[in-house]
């Protein structure tokens, strides 16, 4: 999908996030720059293989929840 407004509509719809036309237009106006910035994060060939900086460990932190 090459049109930013269409892409924003699809992404918001898939996420179940409501937005009016003005909000979607604002997001669509900045979408190409943000998309390019995110793509640049993965432009380095080895970036796909680097150990992730953020990890999620599903562990109970409260004693009552670990049962």
C-alpha atoms as a PDB file:
ATOM      1  CA  UNK A   1       0.000   0.000   0.000  1.00  0.00           C
ATOM      2  CA  UNK A   2       1.806   3.103  -1.182  1.00  0.00           C
ATOM      3  CA  UNK A   3      -0.649   5.755  -0.009  1.00  0.00           C
ATOM      4  CA  UNK A   4       0.161   6.805   3.593  1.00  0.00           C
ATOM      5  CA  UNK A   5      -3.473   7.493   4.495  1.00  0.00           C
ATOM      6  CA  UNK A   6      -4.514   4.014   3.388  1.00  0.00           C
ATOM      7  CA  UNK A   7      -1.668   2.463   5.326  1.00  0.00           C
ATOM      8  CA  UNK A   8      -2.561   4.407   8.461  1.00  0.00           C
ATOM      9  CA  UNK A   9      -6.208   3.312   8.154  1.00  0.00           C
ATOM     10  CA  UNK A  10      -5.194  -0.335   7.842  1.00  0.00           C
ATOM     11  CA  UNK A  11      -2.737  -0.171  10.750  1.00  0.00           C
ATOM     12  CA  UNK A  12      -5.203   1.578  13.066  1.00  0.00           C
ATOM     13  CA  UNK A  13      -7.958  -0.824  12.054  1.00  0.00           C
ATOM     14  CA  UNK A  14      -5.766  -3.858  12.669  1.00  0.00           C
ATOM     15  CA  UNK A  15      -4.836  -2.506  16.089  1.00  0.00           C
ATOM     16  CA  UNK A  16      -8.463  -1.667  16.903  1.00  0.00           C
ATOM     17  CA  UNK A  17      -7.591   1.975  17.572  1.00  0.00           C
ATOM     18  CA  UNK A  18     -10.233   4.603  16.850  1.00  0.00           C
ATOM     19  CA  UNK A  19      -9.245   7.795  15.032  1.00  0.00           C
ATOM     20  CA  UNK A  20     -11.194  10.516  13.296  1.00  0.00           C
ATOM     21  CA  UNK A  21     -10.312  11.868   9.847  1.00  0.00           C
ATOM     22  CA  UNK A  22      -8.197  14.736  11.224  1.00  0.00           C
ATOM     23  CA  UNK A  23      -6.148  12.363  13.384  1.00  0.00           C
ATOM     24  CA  UNK A  24      -5.618   9.982  10.488  1.00  0.00           C
ATOM     25  CA  UNK A  25      -4.554  12.851   8.223  1.00  0.00           C
ATOM     26  CA  UNK A  26      -2.022  13.992  10.815  1.00  0.00           C
ATOM     27  CA  UNK A  27      -0.619  10.494  11.206  1.00  0.00           C
ATOM     28  CA  UNK A  28      -0.509  10.004   7.436  1.00  0.00           C
ATOM     29  CA  UNK A  29       1.456  13.244   7.016  1.00  0.00           C
ATOM     30  CA  UNK A  30       4.256  11.970   9.266  1.00  0.00           C
ATOM     31  CA  UNK A  31       4.063   8.279   8.394  1.00  0.00           C
ATOM     32  CA  UNK A  32       6.671   8.261   5.571  1.00  0.00           C
ATOM     33  CA  UNK A  33       9.350   9.857   7.759  1.00  0.00           C
ATOM     34  CA  UNK A  34       8.689   7.535  10.688  1.00  0.00           C
ATOM     35  CA  UNK A  35       8.586   4.489   8.400  1.00  0.00           C
ATOM     36  CA  UNK A  36      11.950   5.479   6.898  1.00  0.00           C
ATOM     37  CA  UNK A  37      13.442   5.928  10.373  1.00  0.00           C
ATOM     38  CA  UNK A  38      12.247   2.499  11.468  1.00  0.00           C
ATOM     39  CA  UNK A  39      13.516   0.886   8.274  1.00  0.00           C
ATOM     40  CA  UNK A  40      16.915   2.517   8.891  1.00  0.00           C
ATOM     41  CA  UNK A  41      17.142   0.691  12.220  1.00  0.00           C
ATOM     42  CA  UNK A  42      17.290  -2.568  10.289  1.00  0.00           C
ATOM     43  CA  UNK A  43      19.456  -1.323   7.419  1.00  0.00           C
ATOM     44  CA  UNK A  44      22.535  -2.872   9.006  1.00  0.00           C
ATOM     45  CA  UNK A  45      22.647  -6.527   7.842  1.00  0.00           C
ATOM     46  CA  UNK A  46      23.730  -7.791  11.261  1.00  0.00           C
ATOM     47  CA  UNK A  47      20.913  -5.955  13.090  1.00  0.00           C
ATOM     48  CA  UNK A  48      18.593  -8.904  12.635  1.00  0.00           C
ATOM     49  CA  UNK A  49      20.938 -11.145  14.570  1.00  0.00           C
ATOM     50  CA  UNK A  50      21.877  -8.931  17.498  1.00  0.00           C
ATOM     51  CA  UNK A  51      20.704 -10.076  20.930  1.00  0.00           C
ATOM     52  CA  UNK A  52      17.525  -8.118  21.763  1.00  0.00           C
ATOM     53  CA  UNK A  53      17.944  -5.283  24.226  1.00  0.00           C
ATOM     54  CA  UNK A  54      14.497  -5.748  25.747  1.00  0.00           C
ATOM     55  CA  UNK A  55      13.315  -9.030  27.138  1.00  0.00           C
ATOM     56  CA  UNK A  56      10.064 -10.101  28.704  1.00  0.00           C
ATOM     57  CA  UNK A  57      10.148 -12.734  31.423  1.00  0.00           C
ATOM     58  CA  UNK A  58       6.714 -13.897  32.483  1.00  0.00           C
ATOM     59  CA  UNK A  59       7.338 -14.439  36.160  1.00  0.00           C
ATOM     60  CA  UNK A  60       5.082 -13.744  39.076  1.00  0.00           C
ATOM     61  CA  UNK A  61       6.409 -10.919  41.234  1.00  0.00           C
ATOM     62  CA  UNK A  62       3.735 -11.236  43.911  1.00  0.00           C
ATOM     63  CA  UNK A  63       3.693 -14.408  46.002  1.00  0.00           C
ATOM     64  CA  UNK A  64      -0.066 -14.998  45.639  1.00  0.00           C
ATOM     65  CA  UNK A  65       0.163 -14.883  41.835  1.00  0.00           C
ATOM     66  CA  UNK A  66       2.690 -17.690  41.438  1.00  0.00           C
ATOM     67  CA  UNK A  67       0.219 -20.427  42.317  1.00  0.00           C
END
